[in-house]
C-alpha atoms as a PDB file:
ATOM      1  CA  MET A   1      -2.446 -13.125 -11.364  1.00  0.00           C
ATOM      2  CA  ILE A   2      -0.538 -10.037 -10.081  1.00  0.00           C
ATOM      3  CA  VAL A   3      -1.244  -6.611 -11.687  1.00  0.00           C
ATOM      4  CA  MET A   4       1.193  -4.073 -10.780  1.00  0.00           C
ATOM      5  CA  ALA A   5       0.385  -0.370 -11.374  1.00  0.00           C
ATOM      6  CA  GLN A   6       2.642   2.509 -11.732  1.00  0.00           C
ATOM      7  CA  THR A   7       2.090   5.155  -8.909  1.00  0.00           C
ATOM      8  CA  LYS A   8       3.288   8.683  -9.039  1.00  0.00           C
ATOM      9  CA  ILE A   9       4.880   9.369  -5.727  1.00  0.00           C
ATOM     10  CA  PRO A  10       5.062  12.902  -4.460  1.00  0.00           C
ATOM     11  CA  ALA A  11       8.645  14.210  -4.116  1.00  0.00           C
ATOM     12  CA  ASN A  12       8.263  15.624  -0.437  1.00  0.00           C
ATOM     13  CA  ILE A  13       6.934  12.368   0.760  1.00  0.00           C
ATOM     14  CA  PHE A  14      10.350  11.263   2.250  1.00  0.00           C
ATOM     15  CA  ASN A  15      10.802  14.384   4.357  1.00  0.00           C
ATOM     16  CA  LYS A  16       7.063  14.721   5.539  1.00  0.00           C
ATOM     17  CA  TYR A  17       6.262  11.157   6.205  1.00  0.00           C
ATOM     18  CA  PRO A  18       9.356   9.237   7.376  1.00  0.00           C
ATOM     19  CA  GLY A  19       8.469   5.798   8.938  1.00  0.00           C
ATOM     20  CA  LYS A  20       4.814   5.956   8.003  1.00  0.00           C
ATOM     21  CA  ARG A  21       2.504   4.160   5.665  1.00  0.00           C
ATOM     22  CA  VAL A  22       0.823   6.516   3.366  1.00  0.00           C
ATOM     23  CA  ALA A  23      -2.069   6.002   0.762  1.00  0.00           C
ATOM     24  CA  ILE A  24      -1.753   7.697  -2.510  1.00  0.00           C
ATOM     25  CA  VAL A  25      -4.573   8.335  -4.925  1.00  0.00           C
ATOM     26  CA  ASN A  26      -3.870  10.110  -8.180  1.00  0.00           C
ATOM     27  CA  GLY A  27      -0.497  11.141  -7.078  1.00  0.00           C
ATOM     28  CA  ARG A  28      -1.514  12.676  -3.648  1.00  0.00           C
ATOM     29  CA  VAL A  29      -1.152  11.419  -0.191  1.00  0.00           C
ATOM     30  CA  ILE A  30      -4.628  11.161   1.283  1.00  0.00           C
ATOM     31  CA  ALA A  31      -4.023   9.364   4.365  1.00  0.00           C
ATOM     32  CA  SER A  32      -1.045   8.537   6.583  1.00  0.00           C
ATOM     33  CA  SER A  33      -0.355   6.457   9.788  1.00  0.00           C
ATOM     34  CA  LEU A  34       1.922   3.891  11.310  1.00  0.00           C
ATOM     35  CA  ASN A  35      -0.543   1.009  10.537  1.00  0.00           C
ATOM     36  CA  ALA A  36      -1.242   0.176   6.900  1.00  0.00           C
ATOM     37  CA  THR A  37      -4.665  -1.208   7.629  1.00  0.00           C
ATOM     38  CA  VAL A  38      -5.821   2.005   9.148  1.00  0.00           C
ATOM     39  CA  VAL A  39      -4.598   3.959   5.950  1.00  0.00           C
ATOM     40  CA  TYR A  40      -6.132   1.647   3.685  1.00  0.00           C
ATOM     41  CA  LYS A  41      -9.625   2.025   5.435  1.00  0.00           C
ATOM     42  CA  GLN A  42      -9.179   5.845   5.604  1.00  0.00           C
ATOM     43  CA  ALA A  43      -8.344   5.977   1.924  1.00  0.00           C
ATOM     44  CA  LYS A  44     -11.325   3.833   0.927  1.00  0.00           C
ATOM     45  CA  ALA A  45     -13.659   5.821   3.029  1.00  0.00           C
ATOM     46  CA  LYS A  46     -12.577   9.038   1.133  1.00  0.00           C
ATOM     47  CA  TYR A  47     -12.272   7.454  -2.314  1.00  0.00           C
ATOM     48  CA  PRO A  48     -14.169   4.163  -2.582  1.00  0.00           C
ATOM     49  CA  HIS A  49     -14.141   3.805  -6.243  1.00  0.00           C
ATOM     50  CA  LYS A  50     -10.485   4.759  -6.882  1.00  0.00           C
ATOM     51  CA  LYS A  51      -7.345   2.551  -6.825  1.00  0.00           C
ATOM     52  CA  VAL A  52      -5.471   3.232  -3.658  1.00  0.00           C
ATOM     53  CA  SER A  53      -1.721   2.442  -3.411  1.00  0.00           C
ATOM     54  CA  ILE A  54      -0.188   1.906   0.148  1.00  0.00           C
ATOM     55  CA  PHE A  55       3.520   3.020   0.440  1.00  0.00           C
ATOM     56  CA  ALA A  56       5.751   2.357   3.321  1.00  0.00           C
ATOM     57  CA  VAL A  57       8.091   5.657   3.524  1.00  0.00           C
ATOM     58  CA  PRO A  58      11.683   4.663   4.875  1.00  0.00           C
ATOM     59  CA  ARG A  59      13.242   6.607   7.582  1.00  0.00           C
ATOM     60  CA  ARG A  60      16.525   8.289   7.063  1.00  0.00           C
ATOM     61  CA  GLU A  61      18.303   6.047   9.279  1.00  0.00           C
ATOM     62  CA  ASP A  62      16.984   2.690   7.412  1.00  0.00           C
ATOM     63  CA  LYS A  63      19.553   0.848   5.537  1.00  0.00           C
ATOM     64  CA  TYR A  64      18.781  -0.580   1.947  1.00  0.00           C
ATOM     65  CA  LEU A  65      19.696  -4.003   0.928  1.00  0.00           C
ATOM     66  CA  LEU A  66      20.694  -4.370  -2.664  1.00  0.00           C
ATOM     67  CA  VAL A  67      20.527  -7.918  -3.965  1.00  0.00           C
END
């Protein structure tokens, strides 16, 4: 069973963290890195009992494929 949760993404995330992975808890970025595993471990160390969302922030030059 897959459970998808809706996460509030901060507005300035695209300008501040392009090309990085970020951990979001309660609508706030709490960790960022190029490595998703590092971000997850940092987030769980800070908030062990909260649900952590990992988001890959696209760079401005990245192209989107719409299917």
